[in-house]
Amino acid sequence: MEKQSNDAKKPKKQHNTPARNWVGDNGKIIEPLFADYFLSLHPMRCFQGRLFTVDGMIEDEAPLKKEIYEQVRYYATTSIARRIEHIMQAIKLACASEPPEIQTDRIHVRNGTYFVDGHFTPEKEYCM
């Protein structure tokens, strides 16, 4: 009788990140689907190659890249930094739009929008 090695008895290590619809059957990341998923968590628009939220321009993309890394680390096993850059480009393409028109009748502030006629609304809009 042949003795099994200890490696054969050990179950494969499972990660606790659930499979997403952006992971293909082959275990690879489907970038457009990941971009849609990420934008559903973090609504953004891209104007002239820069990302914006309703709070304004995202000056530092490093926190977004870190979050992407945490999401894809179990699926991208090599060249992960390059893959994250590609995913960032996919996100920018997915949310690309024309810059909003300049509106001279309002001022966008942190907690909403103040109109020159004196009224205020807590609703925010994309602005540059």
Protein backbone atom coordinates (compact mmCIF):
# COMPACT_ATOMS: atom_id res chain seq x y z
CA MET A 1 0.00 0.00 0.00
CA GLU A 2 1.39 3.40 -1.01
CA LYS A 3 1.51 6.12 1.59
CA GLN A 4 -0.07 9.46 0.64
CA SER A 5 2.01 12.56 1.12
CA ASN A 6 0.89 15.17 3.61
CA ASP A 7 0.32 17.62 0.74
CA ALA A 8 -2.30 15.34 -0.81
CA LYS A 9 -4.24 15.21 2.45
CA LYS A 10 -4.32 18.97 3.00
CA PRO A 11 -7.32 20.78 1.57
CA LYS A 12 -6.50 23.63 -0.78
CA LYS A 13 -6.43 26.97 0.98
CA GLN A 14 -9.66 28.86 0.46
CA HIS A 15 -9.83 32.63 0.54
CA ASN A 16 -12.77 34.36 2.11
CA THR A 17 -13.53 36.67 -0.82
CA PRO A 18 -16.70 35.39 -2.50
CA ALA A 19 -16.64 34.85 -6.24
CA ARG A 20 -18.05 37.80 -8.13
CA ASN A 21 -19.67 38.07 -11.55
CA TRP A 22 -16.47 39.81 -12.72
CA VAL A 23 -14.46 36.60 -12.38
CA GLY A 24 -14.61 34.40 -15.47
CA ASP A 25 -14.93 30.62 -15.51
CA ASN A 26 -11.17 30.43 -15.93
CA GLY A 27 -10.64 32.46 -12.73
CA LYS A 28 -9.51 35.58 -14.58
CA ILE A 29 -10.81 39.08 -14.00
CA ILE A 30 -13.24 40.46 -16.58
CA GLU A 31 -12.21 44.12 -16.45
CA PRO A 32 -15.39 45.75 -17.88
CA LEU A 33 -17.55 43.82 -15.40
CA PHE A 34 -15.21 44.72 -12.55
CA ALA A 35 -15.39 48.39 -13.59
CA ASP A 36 -19.20 48.27 -13.50
CA TYR A 37 -19.11 46.55 -10.10
CA PHE A 38 -16.64 49.10 -8.68
CA LEU A 39 -18.65 52.03 -10.01
CA SER A 40 -21.78 50.60 -8.37
CA LEU A 41 -19.93 50.86 -5.04
CA HIS A 42 -18.26 54.21 -5.80
CA PRO A 43 -20.27 56.33 -8.25
CA MET A 44 -17.85 58.45 -10.28
CA ARG A 45 -17.50 60.15 -13.62
CA CYS A 46 -14.40 60.74 -15.66
CA PHE A 47 -13.89 64.14 -17.29
CA GLN A 48 -10.76 64.68 -19.39
CA GLY A 49 -9.01 61.67 -17.86
CA ARG A 50 -9.69 62.67 -14.22
CA LEU A 51 -12.10 60.96 -11.84
CA PHE A 52 -14.79 62.97 -10.05
CA THR A 53 -17.38 62.20 -7.40
CA VAL A 54 -20.20 64.54 -6.45
CA ASP A 55 -17.73 65.92 -3.88
CA GLY A 56 -15.27 66.98 -6.58
CA MET A 57 -12.10 65.75 -8.26
CA ILE A 58 -10.28 62.76 -6.83
CA GLU A 59 -6.81 64.17 -6.25
CA ASP A 60 -5.18 60.94 -5.12
CA GLU A 61 -6.14 57.65 -6.79
CA ALA A 62 -3.99 55.59 -4.38
CA PRO A 63 -6.89 54.73 -2.01
CA LEU A 64 -8.95 53.51 -4.98
CA LYS A 65 -6.04 51.40 -6.21
CA LYS A 66 -5.62 49.93 -2.73
CA GLU A 67 -9.30 48.96 -2.62
CA ILE A 68 -9.04 47.41 -6.10
CA TYR A 69 -6.01 45.46 -4.92
CA GLU A 70 -7.97 44.10 -1.95
CA GLN A 71 -10.79 43.04 -4.28
CA VAL A 72 -8.65 41.34 -6.97
CA ARG A 73 -5.66 40.01 -5.02
CA TYR A 74 -6.90 36.43 -5.13
CA TYR A 75 -7.62 36.51 -8.86
CA ALA A 76 -4.62 38.42 -10.27
CA THR A 77 -1.60 36.39 -9.30
CA THR A 78 1.09 38.02 -11.46
CA SER A 79 1.75 41.59 -12.56
CA ILE A 80 -0.89 42.83 -10.14
CA ALA A 81 0.32 46.46 -10.22
CA ARG A 82 0.01 46.51 -14.01
CA ARG A 83 -3.39 44.82 -13.78
CA ILE A 84 -4.61 47.47 -11.33
CA GLU A 85 -3.52 50.21 -13.76
CA HIS A 86 -5.47 48.46 -16.52
CA ILE A 87 -8.50 48.21 -14.25
CA MET A 88 -8.22 51.93 -13.42
CA GLN A 89 -8.23 52.67 -17.15
CA ALA A 90 -11.29 50.42 -17.59
CA ILE A 91 -13.05 52.29 -14.78
CA LYS A 92 -12.24 55.64 -16.42
CA LEU A 93 -13.54 54.40 -19.77
CA ALA A 94 -16.71 53.02 -18.17
CA CYS A 95 -17.59 56.33 -16.51
CA ALA A 96 -16.22 58.72 -19.15
CA SER A 97 -18.52 61.58 -20.06
CA GLU A 98 -18.46 65.14 -21.24
CA PRO A 99 -17.67 67.69 -18.53
CA PRO A 100 -20.78 69.25 -17.02
CA GLU A 101 -21.76 72.65 -18.30
CA ILE A 102 -20.72 75.58 -16.18
CA GLN A 103 -23.68 76.76 -14.14
CA THR A 104 -23.52 80.37 -13.03
CA ASP A 105 -26.69 80.24 -10.93
CA ARG A 106 -25.31 78.03 -8.13
CA ILE A 107 -22.39 77.33 -5.86
CA HIS A 108 -21.54 73.77 -4.97
CA VAL A 109 -20.61 73.32 -1.33
CA ARG A 110 -19.71 70.27 0.76
CA ASN A 111 -23.24 69.64 2.04
CA GLY A 112 -25.27 70.54 -1.06
CA THR A 113 -25.92 73.30 -3.54
CA TYR A 114 -26.58 76.97 -2.81
CA PHE A 115 -28.41 78.92 -5.50
CA VAL A 116 -27.87 82.64 -6.11
CA ASP A 117 -31.60 83.25 -5.64
CA GLY A 118 -31.07 82.29 -1.98
CA HIS A 119 -32.37 78.75 -1.71
CA PHE A 120 -30.35 75.73 -0.71
CA THR A 121 -30.72 72.05 -1.53
CA PRO A 122 -28.81 69.15 0.06
CA GLU A 123 -28.64 67.44 -3.34
CA LYS A 124 -25.21 67.31 -4.93
CA GLU A 125 -24.29 67.39 -8.61
CA TYR A 126 -21.15 66.64 -10.54
CA CYS A 127 -19.17 69.82 -11.07
CA MET A 128 -15.69 70.91 -12.02
